[in-house]
Amino acid sequence: MAFTRKEKEAIVEQYKQWVDNSNAFFVLSYQKMNMSAINEAREKLREVNAEIHVVKNRLFKLALDEKQLPYDPEFWEENNIVGFAFSDAPATAKVITEITKSNIFGIRMGYMDQRALTAENVKALADLPTLPVMRGILLGTIMASASKLVRTLAEPARSMAAVIKAFSEEGQAA
């Protein structure tokens, strides 16, 4: 189906909006994709506040050009699907890596903070803890330091109380 110029401009604007609203996005190739595979991928990505969309390569490249994002033209010669991370990039990368194990999808590249990522970078990002886990680690570290500080500050008073108690018991014994 041929699109009119106005429709193409609207599609490019939609792509730019997805790029703007996402923390990261990942470009995947696909072979022999069926609707059940795409629906399963969409369902898994929705759980981590992400979306996946089949894109028209030429129009998506226009959106990347307008956003001044670098890309390798070689990646845009075959069928592509793009996953957009709207909140937690590592969690989305984990799901992307998981769905590529089916051999229907393959990681081509990604973008995070206006920088291009290789497929290896995307896999490394997937190995990072998710945002809730990182928050838990940080909170645990802060709480451990705070409780250690409280114990350190309370120790001199506790020692002083022990000396006074020992002195008073010694005075009563005499």
N, C-alpha and C. Protein backbone atom coordinates (compact mmCIF):
# COMPACT_ATOMS: atom_id res chain seq x y z
N MET A 1 0.84 -1.17 0.00
CA MET A 1 0.00 0.00 0.00
C MET A 1 0.89 1.24 0.00
N ALA A 2 0.64 2.13 -0.90
CA ALA A 2 1.43 3.36 -1.00
C ALA A 2 0.85 4.41 -0.06
N PHE A 3 1.75 5.11 0.61
CA PHE A 3 1.34 6.17 1.52
C PHE A 3 1.46 7.51 0.81
N THR A 4 0.58 8.44 1.15
CA THR A 4 0.70 9.79 0.63
C THR A 4 1.81 10.51 1.38
N ARG A 5 2.25 11.61 0.86
CA ARG A 5 3.32 12.39 1.50
C ARG A 5 2.91 12.79 2.92
N LYS A 6 1.65 13.18 3.07
CA LYS A 6 1.15 13.61 4.38
C LYS A 6 1.18 12.44 5.38
N GLU A 7 0.80 11.26 4.93
CA GLU A 7 0.82 10.07 5.79
C GLU A 7 2.25 9.72 6.19
N LYS A 8 3.17 9.83 5.24
CA LYS A 8 4.58 9.55 5.53
C LYS A 8 5.12 10.53 6.56
N GLU A 9 4.76 11.80 6.42
CA GLU A 9 5.20 12.81 7.39
C GLU A 9 4.65 12.50 8.78
N ALA A 10 3.40 12.04 8.84
CA ALA A 10 2.79 11.68 10.13
C ALA A 10 3.51 10.48 10.74
N ILE A 11 3.89 9.52 9.91
CA ILE A 11 4.61 8.34 10.41
C ILE A 11 5.97 8.75 10.96
N VAL A 12 6.68 9.61 10.24
CA VAL A 12 7.99 10.09 10.70
C VAL A 12 7.83 10.83 12.03
N GLU A 13 6.79 11.64 12.16
CA GLU A 13 6.54 12.36 13.41
C GLU A 13 6.28 11.38 14.55
N GLN A 14 5.53 10.31 14.28
CA GLN A 14 5.27 9.29 15.30
C GLN A 14 6.57 8.63 15.73
N TYR A 15 7.42 8.30 14.77
CA TYR A 15 8.72 7.71 15.09
C TYR A 15 9.54 8.65 15.96
N LYS A 16 9.56 9.92 15.60
CA LYS A 16 10.33 10.91 16.37
C LYS A 16 9.77 11.03 17.79
N GLN A 17 8.46 10.96 17.91
CA GLN A 17 7.84 11.03 19.24
C GLN A 17 8.25 9.82 20.09
N TRP A 18 8.25 8.63 19.50
CA TRP A 18 8.68 7.44 20.23
C TRP A 18 10.13 7.57 20.66
N VAL A 19 10.97 8.07 19.78
CA VAL A 19 12.40 8.26 20.10
C VAL A 19 12.54 9.26 21.24
N ASP A 20 11.80 10.37 21.17
CA ASP A 20 11.87 11.39 22.22
C ASP A 20 11.40 10.88 23.57
N ASN A 21 10.35 10.08 23.58
CA ASN A 21 9.74 9.62 24.83
C ASN A 21 10.44 8.41 25.45
N SER A 22 11.38 7.82 24.72
CA SER A 22 12.03 6.62 25.24
C SER A 22 13.40 6.94 25.84
N ASN A 23 13.78 6.15 26.85
CA ASN A 23 15.11 6.26 27.44
C ASN A 23 16.14 5.60 26.54
N ALA A 24 15.69 4.58 25.85
CA ALA A 24 16.56 3.82 24.93
C ALA A 24 15.65 3.13 23.93
N PHE A 25 16.22 2.77 22.79
CA PHE A 25 15.48 1.92 21.86
C PHE A 25 16.44 0.98 21.16
N PHE A 26 15.88 -0.16 20.75
CA PHE A 26 16.69 -1.25 20.24
C PHE A 26 16.15 -1.70 18.88
N VAL A 27 17.05 -1.85 17.92
CA VAL A 27 16.68 -2.25 16.57
C VAL A 27 16.92 -3.75 16.43
N LEU A 28 15.88 -4.47 16.02
CA LEU A 28 15.96 -5.92 15.86
C LEU A 28 15.65 -6.29 14.42
N SER A 29 16.33 -7.30 13.95
CA SER A 29 15.97 -7.87 12.65
C SER A 29 14.98 -8.98 12.91
N TYR A 30 14.24 -9.34 11.90
CA TYR A 30 13.34 -10.48 12.09
C TYR A 30 13.27 -11.31 10.82
N GLN A 31 13.13 -12.60 11.04
CA GLN A 31 13.00 -13.58 9.96
C GLN A 31 11.77 -14.42 10.24
N LYS A 32 10.95 -14.62 9.25
CA LYS A 32 9.78 -15.51 9.37
C LYS A 32 8.93 -15.18 10.59
N MET A 33 8.73 -13.90 10.83
CA MET A 33 7.95 -13.48 11.99
C MET A 33 6.47 -13.76 11.75
N ASN A 34 5.81 -14.26 12.78
CA ASN A 34 4.37 -14.45 12.71
C ASN A 34 3.71 -13.61 13.80
N MET A 35 2.42 -13.47 13.73
CA MET A 35 1.72 -12.61 14.68
C MET A 35 1.82 -13.12 16.11
N SER A 36 1.87 -14.42 16.31
CA SER A 36 1.97 -14.93 17.68
C SER A 36 3.31 -14.52 18.30
N ALA A 37 4.38 -14.53 17.51
CA ALA A 37 5.70 -14.12 18.02
C ALA A 37 5.70 -12.64 18.37
N ILE A 38 5.14 -11.81 17.51
CA ILE A 38 5.12 -10.37 17.77
C ILE A 38 4.22 -10.06 18.96
N ASN A 39 3.08 -10.74 19.07
CA ASN A 39 2.18 -10.49 20.20
C ASN A 39 2.81 -10.93 21.52
N GLU A 40 3.53 -12.03 21.50
CA GLU A 40 4.24 -12.50 22.70
C GLU A 40 5.31 -11.49 23.10
N ALA A 41 6.05 -10.98 22.12
CA ALA A 41 7.08 -9.98 22.40
C ALA A 41 6.45 -8.71 22.96
N ARG A 42 5.36 -8.27 22.37
CA ARG A 42 4.67 -7.06 22.84
C ARG A 42 4.19 -7.23 24.28
N GLU A 43 3.65 -8.40 24.58
CA GLU A 43 3.15 -8.68 25.93
C GLU A 43 4.28 -8.61 26.96
N LYS A 44 5.41 -9.24 26.65
CA LYS A 44 6.55 -9.23 27.57
C LYS A 44 7.09 -7.82 27.75
N LEU A 45 7.14 -7.06 26.67
CA LEU A 45 7.67 -5.70 26.76
C LEU A 45 6.73 -4.76 27.51
N ARG A 46 5.42 -4.98 27.38
CA ARG A 46 4.46 -4.15 28.11
C ARG A 46 4.67 -4.25 29.62
N GLU A 47 5.11 -5.42 30.08
CA GLU A 47 5.33 -5.64 31.51
C GLU A 47 6.43 -4.73 32.06
N VAL A 48 7.35 -4.28 31.20
CA VAL A 48 8.45 -3.40 31.64
C VAL A 48 8.29 -1.99 31.06
N ASN A 49 7.05 -1.62 30.72
CA ASN A 49 6.73 -0.30 30.17
C ASN A 49 7.53 -0.02 28.90
N ALA A 50 7.48 -0.95 27.98
CA ALA A 50 8.16 -0.80 26.69
C ALA A 50 7.21 -1.24 25.59
N GLU A 51 7.54 -0.84 24.38
CA GLU A 51 6.73 -1.20 23.22
C GLU A 51 7.64 -1.66 22.10
N ILE A 52 7.07 -2.43 21.19
CA ILE A 52 7.81 -2.87 20.00
C ILE A 52 6.94 -2.58 18.78
N HIS A 53 7.58 -2.05 17.73
CA HIS A 53 6.85 -1.67 16.52
C HIS A 53 7.64 -2.06 15.28
N VAL A 54 6.92 -2.57 14.30
CA VAL A 54 7.52 -2.78 12.98
C VAL A 54 7.61 -1.40 12.34
N VAL A 55 8.77 -1.09 11.77
CA VAL A 55 8.97 0.24 11.19
C VAL A 55 9.28 0.15 9.70
N LYS A 56 8.96 1.22 9.00
CA LYS A 56 9.37 1.36 7.61
C LYS A 56 10.78 1.94 7.65
N ASN A 57 11.73 1.19 7.15
CA ASN A 57 13.14 1.56 7.26
C ASN A 57 13.43 2.97 6.76
N ARG A 58 12.98 3.29 5.56
CA ARG A 58 13.30 4.58 4.97
C ARG A 58 12.74 5.72 5.83
N LEU A 59 11.54 5.54 6.34
CA LEU A 59 10.92 6.58 7.16
C LEU A 59 11.59 6.67 8.53
N PHE A 60 11.98 5.53 9.08
CA PHE A 60 12.65 5.56 10.38
C PHE A 60 14.03 6.22 10.25
N LYS A 61 14.71 5.96 9.13
CA LYS A 61 16.00 6.63 8.90
C LYS A 61 15.82 8.14 8.80
N LEU A 62 14.71 8.59 8.21
CA LEU A 62 14.43 10.03 8.16
C LEU A 62 14.27 10.59 9.58
N ALA A 63 13.57 9.85 10.43
CA ALA A 63 13.39 10.28 11.83
C ALA A 63 14.75 10.34 12.53
N LEU A 64 15.61 9.34 12.31
CA LEU A 64 16.94 9.34 12.92
C LEU A 64 17.77 10.51 12.40
N ASP A 65 17.67 10.79 11.11
CA ASP A 65 18.40 11.93 10.54
C ASP A 65 17.94 13.24 11.17
N GLU A 66 16.63 13.40 11.32
CA GLU A 66 16.10 14.63 11.92
C GLU A 66 16.51 14.76 13.38
N LYS A 67 16.67 13.64 14.06
CA LYS A 67 17.12 13.64 15.46
C LYS A 67 18.64 13.66 15.56
N GLN A 68 19.32 13.66 14.43
CA GLN A 68 20.78 13.67 14.35
C GLN A 68 21.40 12.49 15.10
N LEU A 69 20.79 11.33 14.93
CA LEU A 69 21.32 10.10 15.52
C LEU A 69 22.07 9.32 14.45
N PRO A 70 23.29 8.90 14.75
CA PRO A 70 24.07 8.16 13.75
C PRO A 70 23.53 6.74 13.57
N TYR A 71 23.72 6.20 12.39
CA TYR A 71 23.32 4.81 12.14
C TYR A 71 24.14 4.25 10.99
N ASP A 72 24.22 2.95 10.98
CA ASP A 72 24.90 2.24 9.90
C ASP A 72 23.84 1.88 8.86
N PRO A 73 23.96 2.40 7.64
CA PRO A 73 22.94 2.12 6.62
C PRO A 73 22.74 0.63 6.37
N GLU A 74 23.76 -0.16 6.62
CA GLU A 74 23.68 -1.61 6.43
C GLU A 74 22.58 -2.24 7.29
N PHE A 75 22.35 -1.66 8.49
CA PHE A 75 21.34 -2.21 9.39
C PHE A 75 19.92 -1.97 8.89
N TRP A 76 19.75 -1.10 7.93
CA TRP A 76 18.42 -0.71 7.48
C TRP A 76 18.08 -1.28 6.11
N GLU A 77 18.77 -2.35 5.71
CA GLU A 77 18.52 -2.96 4.40
C GLU A 77 17.52 -4.10 4.48
N GLU A 78 17.32 -4.65 5.66
CA GLU A 78 16.40 -5.78 5.82
C GLU A 78 15.24 -5.35 6.71
N ASN A 79 14.37 -6.30 7.02
CA ASN A 79 13.21 -6.03 7.86
C ASN A 79 13.65 -5.72 9.28
N ASN A 80 13.07 -4.68 9.86
CA ASN A 80 13.42 -4.28 11.22
C ASN A 80 12.18 -4.06 12.06
N ILE A 81 12.40 -4.25 13.33
CA ILE A 81 11.38 -3.98 14.34
C ILE A 81 12.13 -3.24 15.44
N VAL A 82 11.50 -2.25 16.06
CA VAL A 82 12.18 -1.42 17.05
C VAL A 82 11.45 -1.51 18.38
N GLY A 83 12.23 -1.77 19.44
CA GLY A 83 11.69 -1.82 20.80
C GLY A 83 12.06 -0.55 21.53
N PHE A 84 11.08 0.12 22.11
CA PHE A 84 11.29 1.39 22.81
C PHE A 84 11.14 1.19 24.31
N ALA A 85 12.15 1.59 25.08
CA ALA A 85 12.13 1.51 26.55
C ALA A 85 11.66 2.85 27.09
N PHE A 86 10.47 2.88 27.66
CA PHE A 86 9.93 4.14 28.17
C PHE A 86 10.25 4.40 29.63
N SER A 87 10.81 3.41 30.34
CA SER A 87 11.19 3.68 31.73
C SER A 87 12.52 3.04 32.10
N ASP A 88 12.65 1.75 32.00
CA ASP A 88 13.82 1.04 32.50
C ASP A 88 14.56 0.36 31.35
N ALA A 89 15.64 0.99 30.88
CA ALA A 89 16.38 0.46 29.73
C ALA A 89 16.97 -0.93 29.99
N PRO A 90 17.61 -1.19 31.16
CA PRO A 90 18.13 -2.54 31.38
C PRO A 90 17.05 -3.62 31.38
N ALA A 91 15.88 -3.32 31.95
CA ALA A 91 14.79 -4.31 31.97
C ALA A 91 14.31 -4.58 30.54
N THR A 92 14.21 -3.53 29.74
CA THR A 92 13.81 -3.71 28.34
C THR A 92 14.86 -4.50 27.58
N ALA A 93 16.14 -4.19 27.82
CA ALA A 93 17.22 -4.93 27.15
C ALA A 93 17.18 -6.41 27.54
N LYS A 94 16.83 -6.70 28.80
CA LYS A 94 16.71 -8.11 29.23
C LYS A 94 15.62 -8.82 28.43
N VAL A 95 14.47 -8.17 28.29
CA VAL A 95 13.37 -8.78 27.54
C VAL A 95 13.76 -8.93 26.07
N ILE A 96 14.40 -7.91 25.51
CA ILE A 96 14.84 -7.96 24.11
C ILE A 96 15.79 -9.14 23.92
N THR A 97 16.75 -9.28 24.82
CA THR A 97 17.71 -10.38 24.74
C THR A 97 16.99 -11.72 24.86
N GLU A 98 16.00 -11.78 25.74
CA GLU A 98 15.23 -13.02 25.93
C GLU A 98 14.45 -13.40 24.67
N ILE A 99 13.81 -12.41 24.03
CA ILE A 99 13.00 -12.76 22.85
C ILE A 99 13.86 -13.07 21.63
N THR A 100 15.13 -12.67 21.65
CA THR A 100 16.00 -13.00 20.51
C THR A 100 16.47 -14.46 20.57
N LYS A 101 16.26 -15.12 21.69
CA LYS A 101 16.66 -16.53 21.80
C LYS A 101 15.82 -17.44 20.91
N SER A 102 14.67 -16.94 20.46
CA SER A 102 13.79 -17.75 19.61
C SER A 102 14.30 -17.84 18.17
N ASN A 103 15.34 -17.09 17.84
CA ASN A 103 15.92 -17.04 16.49
C ASN A 103 14.98 -16.43 15.45
N ILE A 104 13.86 -15.88 15.88
CA ILE A 104 13.00 -15.13 14.98
C ILE A 104 13.53 -13.70 14.90
N PHE A 105 13.97 -13.20 16.05
CA PHE A 105 14.50 -11.84 16.13
C PHE A 105 16.01 -11.90 16.37
N GLY A 106 16.70 -10.87 15.93
CA GLY A 106 18.13 -10.74 16.20
C GLY A 106 18.45 -9.29 16.53
N ILE A 107 19.30 -9.07 17.51
CA ILE A 107 19.65 -7.70 17.89
C ILE A 107 20.61 -7.13 16.85
N ARG A 108 20.27 -5.97 16.31
CA ARG A 108 21.15 -5.28 15.37
C ARG A 108 21.95 -4.19 16.09
N MET A 109 21.23 -3.35 16.81
CA MET A 109 21.87 -2.22 17.49
C MET A 109 20.87 -1.60 18.45
N GLY A 110 21.29 -0.55 19.13
CA GLY A 110 20.40 0.18 20.02
C GLY A 110 20.88 1.60 20.17
N TYR A 111 20.10 2.38 20.87
CA TYR A 111 20.45 3.76 21.18
C TYR A 111 20.09 4.03 22.63
N MET A 112 20.99 4.72 23.31
CA MET A 112 20.72 5.13 24.69
C MET A 112 21.44 6.44 24.92
N ASP A 113 20.75 7.43 25.46
CA ASP A 113 21.33 8.75 25.69
C ASP A 113 21.95 9.32 24.41
N GLN A 114 21.22 9.21 23.32
CA GLN A 114 21.65 9.75 22.02
C GLN A 114 22.91 9.09 21.47
N ARG A 115 23.29 7.95 22.00
CA ARG A 115 24.48 7.24 21.53
C ARG A 115 24.08 5.88 20.96
N ALA A 116 24.76 5.53 19.88
CA ALA A 116 24.50 4.22 19.26
C ALA A 116 25.16 3.12 20.09
N LEU A 117 24.47 2.00 20.21
CA LEU A 117 24.98 0.83 20.93
C LEU A 117 25.12 -0.32 19.94
N THR A 118 26.16 -1.10 20.10
CA THR A 118 26.30 -2.31 19.29
C THR A 118 25.43 -3.41 19.91
N ALA A 119 25.30 -4.51 19.21
CA ALA A 119 24.54 -5.65 19.75
C ALA A 119 25.17 -6.13 21.05
N GLU A 120 26.50 -6.10 21.13
CA GLU A 120 27.20 -6.52 22.35
C GLU A 120 26.90 -5.56 23.50
N ASN A 121 26.81 -4.25 23.20
CA ASN A 121 26.46 -3.28 24.23
C ASN A 121 25.05 -3.53 24.77
N VAL A 122 24.14 -3.88 23.88
CA VAL A 122 22.76 -4.15 24.30
C VAL A 122 22.73 -5.37 25.22
N LYS A 123 23.49 -6.40 24.87
CA LYS A 123 23.55 -7.60 25.72
C LYS A 123 24.18 -7.28 27.07
N ALA A 124 25.20 -6.41 27.08
CA ALA A 124 25.82 -6.00 28.35
C ALA A 124 24.83 -5.20 29.19
N LEU A 125 24.04 -4.35 28.55
CA LEU A 125 23.01 -3.58 29.25
C LEU A 125 21.98 -4.52 29.88
N ALA A 126 21.68 -5.60 29.20
CA ALA A 126 20.72 -6.59 29.72
C ALA A 126 21.25 -7.28 30.98
N ASP A 127 22.57 -7.33 31.13
CA ASP A 127 23.16 -7.96 32.31
C ASP A 127 23.13 -7.06 33.54
N LEU A 128 22.85 -5.77 33.36
CA LEU A 128 22.77 -4.86 34.50
C LEU A 128 21.50 -5.15 35.30
N PRO A 129 21.53 -4.85 36.60
CA PRO A 129 20.31 -5.03 37.39
C PRO A 129 19.23 -4.04 36.93
N THR A 130 17.99 -4.42 37.11
CA THR A 130 16.89 -3.53 36.75
C THR A 130 16.83 -2.37 37.73
N LEU A 131 16.06 -1.35 37.39
CA LEU A 131 15.97 -0.16 38.22
C LEU A 131 15.52 -0.45 39.65
N PRO A 132 14.48 -1.26 39.88
CA PRO A 132 14.09 -1.56 41.27
C PRO A 132 15.19 -2.28 42.05
N VAL A 133 15.92 -3.18 41.39
CA VAL A 133 17.01 -3.88 42.06
C VAL A 133 18.13 -2.90 42.41
N MET A 134 18.45 -2.01 41.48
CA MET A 134 19.50 -1.01 41.75
C MET A 134 19.11 -0.09 42.90
N ARG A 135 17.83 0.28 42.93
CA ARG A 135 17.35 1.12 44.05
C ARG A 135 17.48 0.38 45.37
N GLY A 136 17.15 -0.91 45.38
CA GLY A 136 17.27 -1.72 46.59
C GLY A 136 18.71 -1.83 47.05
N ILE A 137 19.63 -2.03 46.12
CA ILE A 137 21.05 -2.11 46.46
C ILE A 137 21.51 -0.79 47.06
N LEU A 138 21.13 0.32 46.42
CA LEU A 138 21.53 1.64 46.91
C LEU A 138 20.94 1.91 48.29
N LEU A 139 19.66 1.59 48.47
CA LEU A 139 19.02 1.80 49.77
C LEU A 139 19.67 0.95 50.85
N GLY A 140 19.99 -0.30 50.53
CA GLY A 140 20.68 -1.17 51.48
C GLY A 140 22.03 -0.63 51.88
N THR A 141 22.76 -0.10 50.91
CA THR A 141 24.08 0.49 51.20
C THR A 141 23.94 1.71 52.10
N ILE A 142 22.97 2.56 51.79
CA ILE A 142 22.75 3.77 52.60
C ILE A 142 22.33 3.39 54.01
N MET A 143 21.39 2.44 54.13
CA MET A 143 20.90 2.03 55.45
C MET A 143 22.01 1.39 56.27
N ALA A 144 22.85 0.57 55.65
CA ALA A 144 23.95 -0.06 56.38
C ALA A 144 24.92 0.99 56.89
N SER A 145 25.22 1.98 56.08
CA SER A 145 26.12 3.05 56.50
C SER A 145 25.50 3.87 57.62
N ALA A 146 24.21 4.16 57.51
CA ALA A 146 23.53 4.95 58.53
C ALA A 146 23.49 4.21 59.87
N SER A 147 23.19 2.92 59.85
CA SER A 147 23.12 2.18 61.11
C SER A 147 24.51 2.04 61.73
N LYS A 148 25.53 1.90 60.89
CA LYS A 148 26.91 1.83 61.40
C LYS A 148 27.29 3.16 62.05
N LEU A 149 26.89 4.27 61.43
CA LEU A 149 27.17 5.60 61.99
C LEU A 149 26.48 5.75 63.35
N VAL A 150 25.23 5.33 63.45
CA VAL A 150 24.50 5.44 64.72
C VAL A 150 25.18 4.61 65.80
N ARG A 151 25.61 3.38 65.45
CA ARG A 151 26.31 2.54 66.44
C ARG A 151 27.62 3.20 66.87
N THR A 152 28.34 3.78 65.93
CA THR A 152 29.62 4.42 66.25
C THR A 152 29.40 5.62 67.16
N LEU A 153 28.36 6.41 66.88
CA LEU A 153 28.09 7.58 67.72
C LEU A 153 27.58 7.18 69.10
N ALA A 154 26.86 6.09 69.20
CA ALA A 154 26.30 5.65 70.48
C ALA A 154 27.33 4.93 71.34
N GLU A 155 28.39 4.40 70.77
CA GLU A 155 29.38 3.60 71.51
C GLU A 155 30.04 4.37 72.65
N PRO A 156 30.51 5.62 72.46
CA PRO A 156 31.13 6.32 73.60
C PRO A 156 30.16 6.49 74.77
N ALA A 157 28.90 6.80 74.49
CA ALA A 157 27.92 6.96 75.57
C ALA A 157 27.69 5.63 76.28
N ARG A 158 27.64 4.54 75.52
CA ARG A 158 27.45 3.22 76.10
C ARG A 158 28.66 2.86 76.98
N SER A 159 29.86 3.16 76.51
CA SER A 159 31.08 2.88 77.28
C SER A 159 31.10 3.71 78.56
N MET A 160 30.71 4.98 78.45
CA MET A 160 30.69 5.86 79.62
C MET A 160 29.69 5.33 80.64
N ALA A 161 28.53 4.88 80.19
CA ALA A 161 27.51 4.34 81.09
C ALA A 161 28.04 3.09 81.78
N ALA A 162 28.78 2.25 81.08
CA ALA A 162 29.34 1.03 81.68
C ALA A 162 30.36 1.39 82.75
N VAL A 163 31.19 2.40 82.51
CA VAL A 163 32.19 2.83 83.50
C VAL A 163 31.50 3.37 84.74
N ILE A 164 30.48 4.20 84.56
CA ILE A 164 29.76 4.78 85.69
C ILE A 164 29.07 3.67 86.49
N LYS A 165 28.48 2.73 85.81
CA LYS A 165 27.80 1.62 86.49
C LYS A 165 28.81 0.80 87.29
N ALA A 166 29.95 0.50 86.68
CA ALA A 166 30.98 -0.28 87.37
C ALA A 166 31.50 0.49 88.58
N PHE A 167 31.68 1.79 88.43
CA PHE A 167 32.17 2.62 89.53
C PHE A 167 31.15 2.66 90.67
N SER A 168 29.87 2.78 90.32
CA SER A 168 28.84 2.83 91.36
C SER A 168 28.71 1.48 92.07
N GLU A 169 28.85 0.38 91.34
CA GLU A 169 28.79 -0.94 91.96
C GLU A 169 30.00 -1.16 92.86
N GLU A 170 31.13 -0.63 92.46
CA GLU A 170 32.34 -0.75 93.27
C GLU A 170 32.20 0.06 94.56
N GLY A 171 31.57 1.23 94.42
CA GLY A 171 31.35 2.09 95.59
C GLY A 171 30.38 1.45 96.56
N GLN A 172 29.39 0.74 96.11
CA GLN A 172 28.41 0.09 96.97
C GLN A 172 29.01 -1.12 97.66
N ALA A 173 29.93 -1.79 96.99
CA ALA A 173 30.55 -2.98 97.56
C ALA A 173 31.49 -2.59 98.69
N ALA A 174 32.04 -1.41 98.65
CA ALA A 174 33.00 -1.00 99.67
C ALA A 174 32.34 -0.46 100.87
